[in-house]
Each structure stands twice: as structure tokens, then as C-alpha cells.
Amino acid sequence: MQTQSINDRVIGLVMALFSAIFLFMALKLPGAPPGFPVGSSTFPTMLGGLLLLLSLLLVVRRPVQATPGTAFWKVRIGLGMLATLAYIYTVMSVGIWVSTFLLLFVYALLLRRSKPTWLETLLLPLGSASLAYGLLVLLDVPMPESLLF
């Protein structure tokens, strides 16, 4: 378990260095114009600060004991990453709505802890994709044409 703690600390220090550089560059962006609360540097600064905080927490946290089933979660994380890569490569050919639904469906299957019914597993991605579609139609956002939608 000692090796895991050292690996976490090294990764935390590398991420802290990266986030400090990112934060430094974000602070060089122009601020908010007079009368506006948010400028072009607001989001990158918040993101860099959050990344710096989380990376420092990774450095100082106490090591935790591995729990049974950790390998099972590593497989799930790997499958989730593969699903995300498949989404990236298919979104332009198949379409954003079908690809997003399938990605969220795979996520719902991978992240469930208990045994929900298939209806419950289908409702999350269907509801999320429908909400996104409704917002984009309501806001009249143009979407790229694809094979299906």
C-alpha cells in the first residue's frame, strides 16, 4: 500500500505544478469589463484553483486500504473510457442524440450499484438526452447534420 501512497503524491505534485501554470496563465487573461461580473478569465481561474486544491489534497491525504472489488471497479472505469472514446469517434457519423443516449446508457449500466430494472436504466439516458434536445431546440442551437439525426 506504500507504493500507492507514493504514486498518489507524485501525481498530486505533478498536477499541482500543472494547475499552478494553468492558473498563472488564466490570470493573464483579460478580466471582466466594467459593469459585468464575469469575464473571460473567470472560468479558467476557477478551474485552475479547483485543480490546484484537489491536487494538493491528493498530496496530503492519508493512504487508504484497498477494498475488495477494486479490480472490478477498474474494469468498469476502463469500459467507461472505451465508451467515451467510441462516443467521440461516432458522434459525427451516427449523430449526437443517438451517440449521447448510448453513452449515457453504458454509463448507467456501469455505475449502478444495486440491481435496478432495465426500465430504470433506460430512463436516465432517455431523460437526459430528451432534456438536452429540448433545451437545444428551445434555444435554437444549430447542430451538425449526421446520418441518423
N, C-alpha and C. Protein backbone atom coordinates (compact mmCIF):
# COMPACT_ATOMS: atom_id res chain seq x y z
N MET A 1 0.83 -1.20 0.00
CA MET A 1 0.00 0.00 0.00
C MET A 1 0.86 1.26 0.00
N GLN A 2 2.11 1.13 0.43
CA GLN A 2 3.00 2.27 0.47
C GLN A 2 3.27 2.81 -0.94
N THR A 3 3.38 1.91 -1.92
CA THR A 3 3.64 2.33 -3.29
C THR A 3 2.50 3.19 -3.83
N GLN A 4 1.28 2.81 -3.50
CA GLN A 4 0.12 3.58 -3.96
C GLN A 4 0.17 4.99 -3.39
N SER A 5 0.56 5.13 -2.14
CA SER A 5 0.64 6.43 -1.50
C SER A 5 1.69 7.30 -2.17
N ILE A 6 2.84 6.71 -2.50
CA ILE A 6 3.90 7.46 -3.17
C ILE A 6 3.44 7.87 -4.57
N ASN A 7 2.79 6.96 -5.29
CA ASN A 7 2.27 7.28 -6.62
C ASN A 7 1.27 8.42 -6.55
N ASP A 8 0.38 8.39 -5.57
CA ASP A 8 -0.60 9.46 -5.42
C ASP A 8 0.09 10.80 -5.16
N ARG A 9 1.11 10.78 -4.33
CA ARG A 9 1.82 12.03 -4.01
C ARG A 9 2.55 12.58 -5.23
N VAL A 10 3.19 11.72 -6.00
CA VAL A 10 3.90 12.16 -7.20
C VAL A 10 2.91 12.73 -8.21
N ILE A 11 1.82 12.03 -8.44
CA ILE A 11 0.80 12.52 -9.38
C ILE A 11 0.21 13.83 -8.87
N GLY A 12 -0.02 13.92 -7.56
CA GLY A 12 -0.54 15.15 -6.97
C GLY A 12 0.40 16.32 -7.16
N LEU A 13 1.70 16.08 -7.00
CA LEU A 13 2.68 17.16 -7.19
C LEU A 13 2.76 17.59 -8.66
N VAL A 14 2.72 16.62 -9.57
CA VAL A 14 2.75 16.95 -11.00
C VAL A 14 1.49 17.74 -11.36
N MET A 15 0.34 17.32 -10.87
CA MET A 15 -0.90 18.04 -11.16
C MET A 15 -0.91 19.42 -10.51
N ALA A 16 -0.31 19.55 -9.33
CA ALA A 16 -0.22 20.86 -8.68
C ALA A 16 0.64 21.80 -9.51
N LEU A 17 1.74 21.30 -10.04
CA LEU A 17 2.59 22.12 -10.90
C LEU A 17 1.84 22.53 -12.16
N PHE A 18 1.16 21.56 -12.78
CA PHE A 18 0.38 21.86 -13.98
C PHE A 18 -0.72 22.89 -13.69
N SER A 19 -1.43 22.71 -12.58
CA SER A 19 -2.52 23.62 -12.26
C SER A 19 -2.00 25.00 -11.88
N ALA A 20 -0.82 25.08 -11.27
CA ALA A 20 -0.24 26.39 -10.95
C ALA A 20 0.12 27.13 -12.24
N ILE A 21 0.69 26.43 -13.21
CA ILE A 21 0.99 27.05 -14.51
C ILE A 21 -0.31 27.47 -15.20
N PHE A 22 -1.30 26.59 -15.17
CA PHE A 22 -2.60 26.90 -15.77
C PHE A 22 -3.23 28.12 -15.11
N LEU A 23 -3.17 28.18 -13.79
CA LEU A 23 -3.74 29.31 -13.05
C LEU A 23 -2.99 30.59 -13.37
N PHE A 24 -1.66 30.51 -13.46
CA PHE A 24 -0.86 31.68 -13.81
C PHE A 24 -1.26 32.22 -15.18
N MET A 25 -1.44 31.32 -16.14
CA MET A 25 -1.83 31.75 -17.49
C MET A 25 -3.27 32.25 -17.52
N ALA A 26 -4.14 31.67 -16.72
CA ALA A 26 -5.54 32.11 -16.67
C ALA A 26 -5.64 33.51 -16.09
N LEU A 27 -4.79 33.82 -15.15
CA LEU A 27 -4.83 35.16 -14.55
C LEU A 27 -4.32 36.23 -15.51
N LYS A 28 -3.63 35.85 -16.57
CA LYS A 28 -3.18 36.80 -17.58
C LYS A 28 -4.29 37.18 -18.55
N LEU A 29 -5.37 36.39 -18.59
CA LEU A 29 -6.49 36.70 -19.48
C LEU A 29 -7.16 37.99 -19.04
N PRO A 30 -7.80 38.69 -19.97
CA PRO A 30 -8.46 39.94 -19.58
C PRO A 30 -9.60 39.68 -18.59
N GLY A 31 -9.74 40.58 -17.65
CA GLY A 31 -10.79 40.46 -16.64
C GLY A 31 -12.14 40.88 -17.17
N ALA A 32 -13.07 41.00 -16.27
CA ALA A 32 -14.43 41.38 -16.65
C ALA A 32 -14.47 42.86 -17.00
N PRO A 33 -15.21 43.22 -18.05
CA PRO A 33 -15.37 44.64 -18.37
C PRO A 33 -16.20 45.33 -17.28
N PRO A 34 -16.09 46.63 -17.18
CA PRO A 34 -16.86 47.34 -16.16
C PRO A 34 -18.36 47.08 -16.31
N GLY A 35 -19.00 46.77 -15.22
CA GLY A 35 -20.43 46.51 -15.22
C GLY A 35 -20.81 45.05 -15.41
N PHE A 36 -19.83 44.20 -15.67
CA PHE A 36 -20.10 42.78 -15.85
C PHE A 36 -19.39 41.99 -14.74
N PRO A 37 -20.09 41.05 -14.13
CA PRO A 37 -19.45 40.30 -13.04
C PRO A 37 -18.50 39.21 -13.51
N VAL A 38 -18.63 38.78 -14.75
CA VAL A 38 -17.85 37.64 -15.24
C VAL A 38 -17.09 38.06 -16.49
N GLY A 39 -15.82 37.72 -16.54
CA GLY A 39 -15.01 38.00 -17.71
C GLY A 39 -14.46 36.71 -18.30
N SER A 40 -13.56 36.88 -19.26
CA SER A 40 -13.02 35.69 -19.92
C SER A 40 -12.06 34.92 -19.04
N SER A 41 -11.61 35.51 -17.95
CA SER A 41 -10.68 34.79 -17.07
C SER A 41 -11.39 34.11 -15.90
N THR A 42 -12.66 34.32 -15.73
CA THR A 42 -13.36 33.81 -14.55
C THR A 42 -13.36 32.29 -14.50
N PHE A 43 -13.85 31.64 -15.55
CA PHE A 43 -13.96 30.19 -15.54
C PHE A 43 -12.59 29.51 -15.50
N PRO A 44 -11.62 29.93 -16.34
CA PRO A 44 -10.31 29.29 -16.24
C PRO A 44 -9.64 29.48 -14.87
N THR A 45 -9.85 30.62 -14.24
CA THR A 45 -9.27 30.84 -12.92
C THR A 45 -9.91 29.93 -11.89
N MET A 46 -11.22 29.79 -11.94
CA MET A 46 -11.91 28.89 -11.01
C MET A 46 -11.47 27.45 -11.26
N LEU A 47 -11.35 27.05 -12.50
CA LEU A 47 -10.93 25.70 -12.84
C LEU A 47 -9.51 25.42 -12.36
N GLY A 48 -8.60 26.37 -12.60
CA GLY A 48 -7.22 26.20 -12.14
C GLY A 48 -7.12 26.15 -10.63
N GLY A 49 -7.90 26.97 -9.95
CA GLY A 49 -7.90 26.95 -8.49
C GLY A 49 -8.44 25.64 -7.94
N LEU A 50 -9.50 25.14 -8.53
CA LEU A 50 -10.07 23.86 -8.10
C LEU A 50 -9.09 22.72 -8.35
N LEU A 51 -8.45 22.74 -9.51
CA LEU A 51 -7.47 21.70 -9.82
C LEU A 51 -6.29 21.77 -8.86
N LEU A 52 -5.84 22.96 -8.52
CA LEU A 52 -4.74 23.11 -7.56
C LEU A 52 -5.14 22.59 -6.19
N LEU A 53 -6.34 22.94 -5.75
CA LEU A 53 -6.82 22.47 -4.45
C LEU A 53 -6.92 20.95 -4.40
N LEU A 54 -7.51 20.35 -5.43
CA LEU A 54 -7.67 18.90 -5.45
C LEU A 54 -6.33 18.17 -5.57
N SER A 55 -5.40 18.72 -6.32
CA SER A 55 -4.10 18.07 -6.42
C SER A 55 -3.34 18.16 -5.11
N LEU A 56 -3.47 19.27 -4.38
CA LEU A 56 -2.83 19.36 -3.07
C LEU A 56 -3.48 18.42 -2.06
N LEU A 57 -4.79 18.23 -2.17
CA LEU A 57 -5.45 17.25 -1.32
C LEU A 57 -4.96 15.84 -1.61
N LEU A 58 -4.66 15.56 -2.86
CA LEU A 58 -4.12 14.26 -3.23
C LEU A 58 -2.74 14.05 -2.61
N VAL A 59 -1.97 15.13 -2.49
CA VAL A 59 -0.63 15.02 -1.91
C VAL A 59 -0.70 14.76 -0.41
N VAL A 60 -1.61 15.43 0.30
CA VAL A 60 -1.60 15.37 1.76
C VAL A 60 -2.53 14.31 2.35
N ARG A 61 -3.33 13.66 1.56
CA ARG A 61 -4.28 12.69 2.13
C ARG A 61 -3.56 11.45 2.65
N ARG A 62 -4.21 10.84 3.61
CA ARG A 62 -3.68 9.60 4.17
C ARG A 62 -3.99 8.44 3.24
N PRO A 63 -3.09 7.47 3.14
CA PRO A 63 -3.37 6.32 2.28
C PRO A 63 -4.55 5.51 2.82
N VAL A 64 -5.34 4.99 1.92
CA VAL A 64 -6.48 4.17 2.31
C VAL A 64 -6.21 2.72 1.91
N GLN A 65 -6.80 1.82 2.66
CA GLN A 65 -6.65 0.40 2.35
C GLN A 65 -7.52 0.05 1.15
N ALA A 66 -7.01 -0.82 0.31
CA ALA A 66 -7.79 -1.26 -0.84
C ALA A 66 -8.99 -2.05 -0.36
N THR A 67 -10.12 -1.79 -0.97
CA THR A 67 -11.33 -2.52 -0.61
C THR A 67 -11.54 -3.67 -1.59
N PRO A 68 -12.21 -4.72 -1.14
CA PRO A 68 -12.50 -5.81 -2.07
C PRO A 68 -13.36 -5.30 -3.23
N GLY A 69 -13.08 -5.77 -4.40
CA GLY A 69 -13.85 -5.35 -5.56
C GLY A 69 -13.21 -4.19 -6.30
N THR A 70 -12.01 -3.76 -5.88
CA THR A 70 -11.35 -2.65 -6.54
C THR A 70 -11.05 -2.99 -8.00
N ALA A 71 -10.63 -4.22 -8.26
CA ALA A 71 -10.33 -4.63 -9.64
C ALA A 71 -11.60 -4.56 -10.49
N PHE A 72 -12.74 -4.89 -9.90
CA PHE A 72 -14.00 -4.81 -10.63
C PHE A 72 -14.30 -3.38 -11.05
N TRP A 73 -14.02 -2.41 -10.15
CA TRP A 73 -14.24 -1.01 -10.50
C TRP A 73 -13.24 -0.53 -11.53
N LYS A 74 -12.02 -1.06 -11.51
CA LYS A 74 -11.05 -0.70 -12.53
C LYS A 74 -11.52 -1.15 -13.91
N VAL A 75 -12.13 -2.32 -13.98
CA VAL A 75 -12.69 -2.80 -15.24
C VAL A 75 -13.82 -1.87 -15.69
N ARG A 76 -14.67 -1.48 -14.75
CA ARG A 76 -15.76 -0.56 -15.09
C ARG A 76 -15.24 0.78 -15.59
N ILE A 77 -14.20 1.29 -14.95
CA ILE A 77 -13.62 2.57 -15.39
C ILE A 77 -13.03 2.42 -16.78
N GLY A 78 -12.35 1.32 -17.04
CA GLY A 78 -11.80 1.07 -18.37
C GLY A 78 -12.89 0.98 -19.42
N LEU A 79 -13.97 0.29 -19.10
CA LEU A 79 -15.10 0.21 -20.05
C LEU A 79 -15.73 1.58 -20.28
N GLY A 80 -15.80 2.38 -19.23
CA GLY A 80 -16.33 3.74 -19.38
C GLY A 80 -15.45 4.59 -20.27
N MET A 81 -14.14 4.43 -20.15
CA MET A 81 -13.22 5.18 -21.01
C MET A 81 -13.35 4.72 -22.46
N LEU A 82 -13.49 3.42 -22.67
CA LEU A 82 -13.71 2.91 -24.03
C LEU A 82 -15.01 3.43 -24.61
N ALA A 83 -16.06 3.49 -23.78
CA ALA A 83 -17.34 4.03 -24.25
C ALA A 83 -17.21 5.49 -24.63
N THR A 84 -16.43 6.24 -23.86
CA THR A 84 -16.22 7.66 -24.17
C THR A 84 -15.46 7.81 -25.48
N LEU A 85 -14.44 7.00 -25.71
CA LEU A 85 -13.71 7.06 -26.98
C LEU A 85 -14.61 6.68 -28.15
N ALA A 86 -15.43 5.65 -27.95
CA ALA A 86 -16.38 5.26 -29.01
C ALA A 86 -17.35 6.41 -29.30
N TYR A 87 -17.78 7.10 -28.26
CA TYR A 87 -18.67 8.26 -28.42
C TYR A 87 -18.00 9.34 -29.25
N ILE A 88 -16.75 9.63 -28.93
CA ILE A 88 -16.03 10.68 -29.65
C ILE A 88 -15.93 10.35 -31.14
N TYR A 89 -15.67 9.09 -31.45
CA TYR A 89 -15.50 8.71 -32.85
C TYR A 89 -16.81 8.53 -33.60
N THR A 90 -17.92 8.31 -32.89
CA THR A 90 -19.18 8.06 -33.60
C THR A 90 -20.14 9.24 -33.59
N VAL A 91 -19.85 10.27 -32.82
CA VAL A 91 -20.83 11.34 -32.67
C VAL A 91 -21.11 12.05 -34.00
N MET A 92 -20.10 12.21 -34.84
CA MET A 92 -20.33 12.91 -36.10
C MET A 92 -20.97 12.01 -37.16
N SER A 93 -20.73 10.73 -37.10
CA SER A 93 -21.29 9.85 -38.12
C SER A 93 -22.69 9.37 -37.74
N VAL A 94 -22.88 8.95 -36.52
CA VAL A 94 -24.17 8.41 -36.11
C VAL A 94 -25.13 9.52 -35.71
N GLY A 95 -24.61 10.53 -35.06
CA GLY A 95 -25.45 11.64 -34.62
C GLY A 95 -25.30 11.85 -33.13
N ILE A 96 -25.47 13.09 -32.72
CA ILE A 96 -25.23 13.42 -31.32
C ILE A 96 -26.28 12.81 -30.40
N TRP A 97 -27.52 12.71 -30.86
CA TRP A 97 -28.58 12.22 -29.97
C TRP A 97 -28.48 10.73 -29.73
N VAL A 98 -28.25 9.96 -30.78
CA VAL A 98 -28.12 8.51 -30.63
C VAL A 98 -26.85 8.19 -29.86
N SER A 99 -25.75 8.86 -30.20
CA SER A 99 -24.48 8.61 -29.52
C SER A 99 -24.56 8.99 -28.04
N THR A 100 -25.18 10.12 -27.74
CA THR A 100 -25.30 10.55 -26.35
C THR A 100 -26.17 9.59 -25.56
N PHE A 101 -27.28 9.15 -26.15
CA PHE A 101 -28.14 8.18 -25.48
C PHE A 101 -27.37 6.91 -25.18
N LEU A 102 -26.64 6.38 -26.18
CA LEU A 102 -25.89 5.14 -25.97
C LEU A 102 -24.79 5.31 -24.93
N LEU A 103 -24.11 6.46 -24.94
CA LEU A 103 -23.06 6.70 -23.94
C LEU A 103 -23.66 6.75 -22.54
N LEU A 104 -24.75 7.47 -22.37
CA LEU A 104 -25.37 7.57 -21.06
C LEU A 104 -25.95 6.23 -20.61
N PHE A 105 -26.42 5.43 -21.55
CA PHE A 105 -26.93 4.11 -21.23
C PHE A 105 -25.80 3.21 -20.71
N VAL A 106 -24.65 3.26 -21.39
CA VAL A 106 -23.50 2.47 -20.94
C VAL A 106 -23.05 2.95 -19.56
N TYR A 107 -23.00 4.27 -19.36
CA TYR A 107 -22.64 4.81 -18.04
C TYR A 107 -23.62 4.33 -16.97
N ALA A 108 -24.90 4.34 -17.28
CA ALA A 108 -25.90 3.90 -16.31
C ALA A 108 -25.70 2.43 -15.96
N LEU A 109 -25.35 1.62 -16.95
CA LEU A 109 -25.09 0.20 -16.68
C LEU A 109 -23.83 0.01 -15.85
N LEU A 110 -22.80 0.80 -16.13
CA LEU A 110 -21.53 0.62 -15.44
C LEU A 110 -21.54 1.16 -14.02
N LEU A 111 -22.29 2.21 -13.77
CA LEU A 111 -22.22 2.88 -12.47
C LEU A 111 -23.28 2.43 -11.47
N ARG A 112 -24.16 1.57 -11.86
CA ARG A 112 -25.19 1.16 -10.91
C ARG A 112 -24.60 0.24 -9.86
N ARG A 113 -25.05 0.42 -8.63
CA ARG A 113 -24.55 -0.39 -7.52
C ARG A 113 -25.52 -1.52 -7.19
N SER A 114 -26.79 -1.26 -7.25
CA SER A 114 -27.76 -2.30 -6.96
C SER A 114 -28.28 -2.87 -8.27
N LYS A 115 -29.37 -3.55 -8.22
CA LYS A 115 -29.94 -4.16 -9.41
C LYS A 115 -31.22 -3.43 -9.82
N PRO A 116 -31.10 -2.28 -10.47
CA PRO A 116 -32.31 -1.63 -10.95
C PRO A 116 -32.88 -2.37 -12.16
N THR A 117 -34.10 -2.08 -12.45
CA THR A 117 -34.72 -2.72 -13.61
C THR A 117 -34.18 -2.08 -14.88
N TRP A 118 -34.42 -2.74 -15.99
CA TRP A 118 -33.98 -2.19 -17.27
C TRP A 118 -34.69 -0.88 -17.57
N LEU A 119 -35.94 -0.75 -17.10
CA LEU A 119 -36.67 0.49 -17.32
C LEU A 119 -35.99 1.65 -16.62
N GLU A 120 -35.55 1.43 -15.38
CA GLU A 120 -34.83 2.49 -14.66
C GLU A 120 -33.52 2.83 -15.35
N THR A 121 -32.84 1.82 -15.87
CA THR A 121 -31.57 2.05 -16.55
C THR A 121 -31.78 2.81 -17.85
N LEU A 122 -32.89 2.60 -18.52
CA LEU A 122 -33.19 3.31 -19.76
C LEU A 122 -33.70 4.74 -19.52
N LEU A 123 -34.36 4.95 -18.38
CA LEU A 123 -34.96 6.27 -18.13
C LEU A 123 -33.92 7.37 -17.95
N LEU A 124 -32.80 7.09 -17.30
CA LEU A 124 -31.78 8.11 -17.10
C LEU A 124 -31.23 8.65 -18.41
N PRO A 125 -30.70 7.80 -19.31
CA PRO A 125 -30.19 8.36 -20.56
C PRO A 125 -31.27 8.95 -21.45
N LEU A 126 -32.45 8.33 -21.46
CA LEU A 126 -33.53 8.86 -22.28
C LEU A 126 -33.97 10.23 -21.77
N GLY A 127 -34.11 10.37 -20.47
CA GLY A 127 -34.49 11.66 -19.90
C GLY A 127 -33.43 12.72 -20.11
N SER A 128 -32.16 12.36 -19.94
CA SER A 128 -31.07 13.32 -20.12
C SER A 128 -30.96 13.77 -21.57
N ALA A 129 -31.01 12.83 -22.50
CA ALA A 129 -30.92 13.19 -23.92
C ALA A 129 -32.15 14.00 -24.33
N SER A 130 -33.33 13.67 -23.82
CA SER A 130 -34.53 14.44 -24.15
C SER A 130 -34.45 15.85 -23.60
N LEU A 131 -33.96 16.00 -22.38
CA LEU A 131 -33.80 17.33 -21.79
C LEU A 131 -32.82 18.16 -22.60
N ALA A 132 -31.69 17.57 -22.98
CA ALA A 132 -30.70 18.29 -23.79
C ALA A 132 -31.29 18.68 -25.14
N TYR A 133 -32.01 17.76 -25.76
CA TYR A 133 -32.63 18.06 -27.05
C TYR A 133 -33.65 19.19 -26.92
N GLY A 134 -34.46 19.12 -25.87
CA GLY A 134 -35.45 20.17 -25.65
C GLY A 134 -34.81 21.53 -25.43
N LEU A 135 -33.74 21.58 -24.66
CA LEU A 135 -33.05 22.85 -24.43
C LEU A 135 -32.43 23.39 -25.71
N LEU A 136 -31.84 22.52 -26.51
CA LEU A 136 -31.23 22.98 -27.74
C LEU A 136 -32.27 23.45 -28.75
N VAL A 137 -33.42 22.79 -28.78
CA VAL A 137 -34.50 23.24 -29.67
C VAL A 137 -35.08 24.55 -29.15
N LEU A 138 -35.27 24.64 -27.83
CA LEU A 138 -35.80 25.85 -27.23
C LEU A 138 -34.87 27.04 -27.45
N LEU A 139 -33.56 26.80 -27.35
CA LEU A 139 -32.59 27.88 -27.52
C LEU A 139 -32.18 28.07 -28.98
N ASP A 140 -32.70 27.24 -29.87
CA ASP A 140 -32.44 27.31 -31.30
C ASP A 140 -30.94 27.23 -31.60
N VAL A 141 -30.30 26.21 -31.04
CA VAL A 141 -28.87 25.99 -31.26
C VAL A 141 -28.71 25.09 -32.48
N PRO A 142 -27.97 25.53 -33.48
CA PRO A 142 -27.77 24.67 -34.65
C PRO A 142 -26.85 23.50 -34.33
N MET A 143 -27.26 22.32 -34.76
CA MET A 143 -26.47 21.11 -34.54
C MET A 143 -26.00 20.58 -35.88
N PRO A 144 -24.84 19.94 -35.94
CA PRO A 144 -24.36 19.39 -37.22
C PRO A 144 -25.25 18.25 -37.70
N GLU A 145 -25.37 18.18 -39.00
CA GLU A 145 -26.14 17.09 -39.61
C GLU A 145 -25.34 15.79 -39.50
N SER A 146 -26.06 14.68 -39.36
CA SER A 146 -25.40 13.38 -39.27
C SER A 146 -26.26 12.34 -39.95
N LEU A 147 -25.85 11.10 -39.84
CA LEU A 147 -26.51 10.01 -40.54
C LEU A 147 -27.95 9.80 -40.05
N LEU A 148 -28.16 9.78 -38.74
CA LEU A 148 -29.48 9.47 -38.19
C LEU A 148 -30.29 10.71 -37.81
N PHE A 149 -29.68 11.64 -37.10
CA PHE A 149 -30.42 12.84 -36.67
C PHE A 149 -29.56 14.07 -36.84
